[in-house]
Protein backbone atom coordinates (compact mmCIF):
# COMPACT_ATOMS: atom_id res chain seq x y z
CA MET A 1 14.14 -11.76 20.21
CA PHE A 2 17.76 -11.84 21.29
CA GLU A 3 20.24 -13.82 19.18
CA ARG A 4 23.16 -15.65 20.73
CA THR A 5 26.09 -17.33 19.01
CA PHE A 6 27.62 -20.40 20.68
CA THR A 7 31.06 -21.76 19.76
CA LEU A 8 31.22 -25.48 20.55
CA LYS A 9 34.55 -27.17 21.24
CA PRO A 10 34.98 -30.79 20.16
CA THR A 11 34.99 -31.99 23.79
CA PHE A 12 31.73 -30.20 24.63
CA THR A 13 28.70 -32.38 25.39
CA LEU A 14 25.25 -30.91 24.71
CA LYS A 15 22.83 -31.19 27.60
CA PRO A 16 19.06 -31.63 27.03
CA THR A 17 18.35 -28.07 28.21
CA PHE A 18 20.65 -26.62 25.53
CA ILE A 19 19.03 -28.78 22.87
CA ILE A 20 15.54 -27.63 23.88
CA ALA A 21 16.63 -23.98 23.92
CA ALA A 22 18.16 -24.35 20.47
CA LEU A 23 14.96 -25.87 19.11
CA ILE A 24 12.85 -23.06 20.56
CA PHE A 25 15.18 -20.44 19.12
CA SER A 26 15.13 -22.09 15.71
CA ALA A 27 11.34 -22.22 15.69
CA SER A 28 11.13 -18.54 16.65
CA ALA A 29 13.65 -17.53 14.00
CA ALA A 30 11.74 -19.46 11.35
CA HIS A 31 8.70 -17.29 12.04
CA ALA A 32 10.56 -14.01 12.56
CA SER A 33 8.56 -12.50 9.69
CA GLU A 34 5.27 -13.00 11.58
CA TYR A 35 3.79 -11.70 14.81
CA ARG A 36 0.44 -11.99 16.55
CA PHE A 37 0.67 -9.71 19.58
CA GLU A 38 2.08 -6.21 20.02
CA LEU A 39 2.66 -4.38 23.31
CA GLN A 40 3.36 -0.64 23.27
CA GLY A 41 4.19 1.83 26.03
CA GLU A 42 4.36 5.61 25.64
CA TYR A 43 5.34 8.66 27.66
CA GLY A 44 4.59 12.25 26.70
CA THR A 45 4.80 15.66 28.31
CA ASN A 46 3.25 19.05 27.55
CA ASP A 47 4.72 22.29 28.92
CA ASN A 48 2.86 25.59 28.74
CA GLU A 49 5.23 28.54 28.91
CA ASP A 50 2.63 31.07 30.07
CA ASP A 51 1.28 29.56 33.29
CA GLU A 52 3.89 26.79 33.73
CA VAL A 53 1.22 24.11 33.75
CA ASN A 54 2.84 20.71 33.19
CA VAL A 55 0.96 17.75 31.71
CA GLU A 56 2.35 14.21 31.63
CA ASP A 57 0.76 11.36 29.68
CA LYS A 58 1.53 7.68 30.15
CA SER A 59 -0.07 4.82 28.25
CA LEU A 60 0.17 1.09 27.77
CA ARG A 61 -1.79 -0.88 25.18
CA GLY A 62 -1.77 -4.35 23.73
CA THR A 63 -3.08 -5.63 20.40
CA TYR A 64 -3.94 -9.22 19.54
CA TYR A 65 -4.34 -10.18 15.88
CA PHE A 66 -6.71 -12.98 14.99
CA ASN A 67 -4.24 -14.28 12.39
CA PRO A 68 -0.45 -13.95 12.29
CA VAL A 69 0.66 -10.71 10.65
CA ASN A 70 3.12 -11.39 7.84
CA THR A 71 5.83 -8.71 7.64
CA GLU A 72 7.65 -10.17 4.65
CA ASP A 73 7.95 -7.68 1.77
CA HIS A 74 6.37 -4.92 3.91
CA VAL A 75 7.79 -1.98 5.81
CA LEU A 76 7.54 -3.06 9.43
CA GLY A 77 5.56 -0.06 10.67
CA GLU A 78 2.66 -0.66 8.25
CA ALA A 79 2.61 -4.47 8.05
CA ALA A 80 -0.68 -4.92 9.96
CA PHE A 81 -2.42 -2.23 7.91
CA LEU A 82 -1.20 -3.62 4.59
CA GLU A 83 -2.19 -7.15 5.62
CA ARG A 84 -5.65 -5.90 6.69
CA ALA A 85 -5.20 -7.70 9.99
CA SER A 86 -8.33 -7.90 12.15
CA ASN A 87 -7.62 -7.49 15.86
CA ILE A 88 -8.72 -6.61 19.36
CA ARG A 89 -6.99 -3.95 21.46
CA LEU A 90 -6.93 -2.97 25.14
CA GLY A 91 -5.33 0.18 26.49
CA GLY A 92 -4.82 2.21 29.63
CA TYR A 93 -3.87 5.91 29.76
CA ARG A 94 -3.12 8.34 32.58
CA SER A 95 -2.88 12.09 32.11
CA THR A 96 -1.57 14.09 35.06
CA MET A 97 -1.69 17.88 35.28
CA GLU A 98 0.46 19.85 37.72
CA VAL A 99 -0.47 23.50 38.36
CA PRO A 100 1.96 25.60 40.43
CA GLU A 101 1.01 28.20 43.01
CA ARG A 102 -0.20 31.37 41.32
CA THR A 103 -1.13 34.91 42.31
CA ILE A 104 -4.06 36.64 40.64
CA PHE A 105 -5.48 40.12 41.19
CA PHE A 106 -9.14 40.87 41.76
CA GLU A 107 -10.06 44.54 42.13
CA GLU A 108 -6.37 45.23 42.61
CA GLU A 109 -6.19 42.83 45.56
CA PRO A 110 -3.78 39.86 45.26
CA TYR A 111 -5.10 36.35 45.83
CA VAL A 112 -2.86 33.31 46.03
CA LEU A 113 -4.13 30.14 44.35
CA SER A 114 -2.63 27.00 45.82
CA ALA A 115 -0.76 24.50 43.71
CA TYR A 116 -2.62 21.32 42.87
CA GLU A 117 -2.34 18.13 40.87
CA SER A 118 -5.10 16.21 39.09
CA SER A 119 -5.18 13.11 36.96
CA VAL A 120 -7.56 11.41 34.56
CA ASP A 121 -7.42 7.67 33.82
CA THR A 122 -8.78 6.39 30.53
CA TYR A 123 -9.41 2.74 29.66
CA THR A 124 -10.16 1.65 26.12
CA ALA A 125 -11.25 -1.54 24.39
CA SER A 126 -11.80 -1.94 20.68
CA ALA A 127 -12.05 -4.52 17.92
CA GLU A 128 -11.62 -3.97 14.21
CA TRP A 129 -12.43 -6.27 11.32
CA TYR A 130 -11.73 -6.39 7.64
CA LEU A 131 -14.87 -8.19 6.53
CA PRO A 132 -14.83 -11.17 4.15
CA GLY A 133 -13.61 -10.11 0.74
CA ASP A 134 -11.53 -7.36 2.40
CA LEU A 135 -13.70 -4.62 0.89
CA PHE A 136 -15.43 -3.40 4.05
CA TYR A 137 -13.92 -2.28 7.33
CA ALA A 138 -15.58 -1.93 10.73
CA ARG A 139 -14.43 -1.03 14.23
CA VAL A 140 -16.28 -0.82 17.55
CA GLY A 141 -14.89 0.50 20.80
CA ALA A 142 -15.69 1.60 24.32
CA THR A 143 -13.96 4.14 26.56
CA ARG A 144 -14.16 4.66 30.31
CA PHE A 145 -12.94 7.88 31.95
CA GLU A 146 -12.11 8.09 35.66
CA SER A 147 -11.18 11.26 37.54
CA GLY A 148 -11.10 10.91 41.28
CA SER A 149 -12.92 8.25 43.27
CA PHE A 150 -16.48 9.17 42.33
CA ASN A 151 -16.21 10.79 38.90
CA SER A 152 -16.39 8.39 35.94
CA ASP A 153 -18.07 8.12 32.58
CA GLU A 154 -18.33 5.67 29.68
CA ALA A 155 -18.84 6.21 25.96
CA TRP A 156 -18.88 4.10 22.82
CA ASN A 157 -17.33 4.80 19.45
CA ALA A 158 -17.17 3.10 16.06
CA SER A 159 -15.79 3.39 12.54
CA LEU A 160 -17.04 2.21 9.17
CA GLY A 161 -15.05 2.20 5.96
CA ILE A 162 -14.12 0.64 2.67
CA THR A 163 -10.82 -0.62 1.27
CA PRO A 164 -11.31 -0.26 -2.50
CA ALA A 165 -7.62 -0.78 -3.33
CA GLU A 166 -4.56 -2.34 -1.76
CA GLY A 167 -3.12 -0.05 0.90
CA LEU A 168 -6.15 2.30 0.86
CA LEU A 169 -8.73 2.81 3.63
CA ILE A 170 -11.52 5.40 3.53
CA SER A 171 -13.49 5.60 6.78
CA SER A 172 -15.59 7.72 9.11
CA ASP A 173 -15.70 7.72 12.91
CA PHE A 174 -18.87 7.80 15.00
CA TYR A 175 -19.36 8.77 18.61
CA GLU A 176 -22.03 8.56 21.26
CA ASP A 177 -24.64 11.38 21.05
CA GLN A 178 -23.29 12.47 17.67
CA ASP A 179 -25.62 14.58 15.52
CA PHE A 180 -24.73 13.64 11.96
CA ASP A 181 -26.22 16.82 10.52
CA GLU A 182 -23.89 18.96 12.62
CA ASP A 183 -20.86 16.74 13.22
CA TRP A 184 -19.19 14.32 10.80
CA ASN A 185 -15.72 13.38 9.64
CA LEU A 186 -13.86 11.67 6.82
CA ASN A 187 -10.53 9.82 7.11
CA VAL A 188 -8.26 8.55 4.36
CA LYS A 189 -5.10 6.46 4.72
CA TYR A 190 -3.01 5.25 1.81
CA VAL A 191 0.27 3.36 1.91
CA THR A 192 2.24 3.09 -1.32
CA ASP A 193 3.85 -0.31 -0.87
CA GLY A 194 5.99 -1.95 -3.53
CA LEU A 195 6.27 1.14 -5.75
CA GLY A 196 9.77 2.27 -4.88
CA PRO A 197 10.03 4.32 -1.65
CA THR A 198 7.13 3.61 0.70
CA LEU A 199 4.95 6.51 1.82
CA ALA A 200 2.13 6.41 4.37
CA LEU A 201 -0.34 9.24 3.75
CA THR A 202 -3.05 10.12 6.29
CA SER A 203 -5.70 12.82 6.19
CA ARG A 204 -8.77 13.79 8.22
CA TYR A 205 -11.50 16.38 7.83
CA ASN A 206 -13.91 17.29 10.66
CA TYR A 207 -17.07 19.25 9.96
CA ARG A 208 -18.83 20.88 12.90
CA SER A 209 -21.67 23.32 12.30
CA TYR A 210 -21.38 24.66 15.85
CA SER A 211 -17.62 25.15 15.81
CA ASN A 212 -14.63 25.54 13.50
CA ASN A 213 -13.91 22.85 10.96
CA THR A 214 -10.50 21.18 11.17
CA ALA A 215 -8.26 19.38 8.70
CA MET A 216 -5.18 17.19 9.12
CA LEU A 217 -2.62 15.90 6.63
CA GLY A 218 0.34 13.70 7.45
CA VAL A 219 3.02 11.76 5.61
CA ASP A 220 5.55 9.18 6.81
CA PHE A 221 8.49 8.41 4.55
CA TYR A 222 10.26 5.06 4.96
CA LEU A 223 13.97 5.56 4.40
CA THR A 224 14.43 1.82 4.89
CA ARG A 225 12.17 -1.06 5.79
CA THR A 226 12.86 -0.38 9.48
CA LEU A 227 13.14 3.43 9.65
CA SER A 228 10.55 6.12 8.98
CA ILE A 229 10.36 9.87 9.46
CA GLY A 230 7.13 11.84 9.26
CA VAL A 231 5.43 15.19 9.52
CA GLN A 232 1.82 16.09 10.22
CA ARG A 233 -0.06 19.38 9.93
CA SER A 234 -3.35 20.06 11.73
CA GLU A 235 -5.18 23.28 10.95
CA VAL A 236 -8.33 25.03 12.13
CA LEU A 237 -10.29 26.23 9.13
CA GLU A 238 -12.25 29.49 8.95
CA GLY A 239 -10.32 31.18 11.76
CA GLY A 240 -10.78 30.28 15.39
CA ASP A 241 -8.80 30.54 18.60
CA THR A 242 -7.35 27.02 18.52
CA PRO A 243 -3.68 27.12 17.43
CA ASP A 244 -2.53 25.19 14.40
CA ASN A 245 -0.22 22.28 15.09
CA TRP A 246 2.85 20.73 13.49
CA GLN A 247 4.04 17.26 14.47
CA PHE A 248 7.42 15.73 13.60
CA ARG A 249 7.97 12.03 14.27
CA ALA A 250 10.29 9.08 13.65
CA ARG A 251 10.27 5.33 14.27
CA LYS A 252 13.10 2.79 14.15
CA PHE A 253 12.84 -1.00 14.34
CA PHE A 254 15.72 -3.02 15.73
CA GLY A 255 15.22 -6.40 14.14
CA GLU A 256 11.68 -7.61 13.45
CA ARG A 257 10.37 -7.37 17.00
CA TRP A 258 11.34 -4.19 18.82
CA SER A 259 10.93 -0.54 17.89
CA VAL A 260 11.52 2.90 19.41
CA SER A 261 9.67 6.02 18.26
CA GLY A 262 9.37 9.67 19.17
CA TYR A 263 7.35 12.74 18.28
CA TYR A 264 7.45 16.50 18.78
CA ASN A 265 4.38 18.75 18.56
CA GLU A 266 4.81 22.46 18.00
CA LEU A 267 1.98 24.82 18.92
CA GLU A 268 1.91 28.58 19.33
CA GLU A 269 2.76 28.67 23.05
CA GLU A 270 3.24 25.01 23.89
CA ALA A 271 5.69 22.23 23.17
CA ASN A 272 4.65 18.60 23.36
CA PHE A 273 6.93 15.63 22.88
CA GLY A 274 6.89 11.95 23.64
CA VAL A 275 8.67 8.63 23.23
CA ALA A 276 7.31 5.12 22.77
CA THR A 277 8.54 1.59 22.48
CA SER A 278 6.84 -1.54 21.15
CA LEU A 279 7.52 -5.27 21.31
CA ARG A 280 6.03 -7.89 19.01
CA PHE A 281 5.58 -11.60 19.65
């Protein structure tokens, strides 16, 4: 929301349009500590130094909250989580991969592979609820993948959890065709709100009997109510060929409505970074 300051001279006569605009602005300012809809756009890129493959990701998603989210006395980045705000969300993502012309050798003979570009579009829809009493949490979602004109697929996903204390969520995610004996996960998020500096702690553990287990731990530190910096570590347990990953991120709100954020992922032979912006109404 943009703020404007008007200086009125004694001879100035207010027109009805100015009066209406002033009333609308006053009503919006009175509810500046609440929002019901959030729109977020993101751009990311991934460069591989070895084969010069370039990947670009673009996304746009919107979230509608069933009740206004109160940001008063909360850090702005975690207001919806701390308020246990039930919502529905729609999103669209496009990942584009560009592969340059390459020369490979087969039995000492060179073969030139032509450059090509491919893209995958992903559409998501989800709804999450904090059930009456705010003790139980549930989320259901659906995803559609499209690659080319005749290649598409759909899948469902869900989450179940509990919120035994303020700012704490313990949950597990479920996927289509999941074998619970061989594939399960546990997620924990805890936000220390109102106890001095605010910290947002996130962790995830994935168990897979047919592959390597993985673990993730992240922390976001709120320097102010509007500014956070964070770091996240993802690690493959018990060896494996998948590289471990560090992520560094930051988010800054300008007023109550608009924010800009960025992240940088560091892998063994790849660098991934992205920027995002969000607007709340």
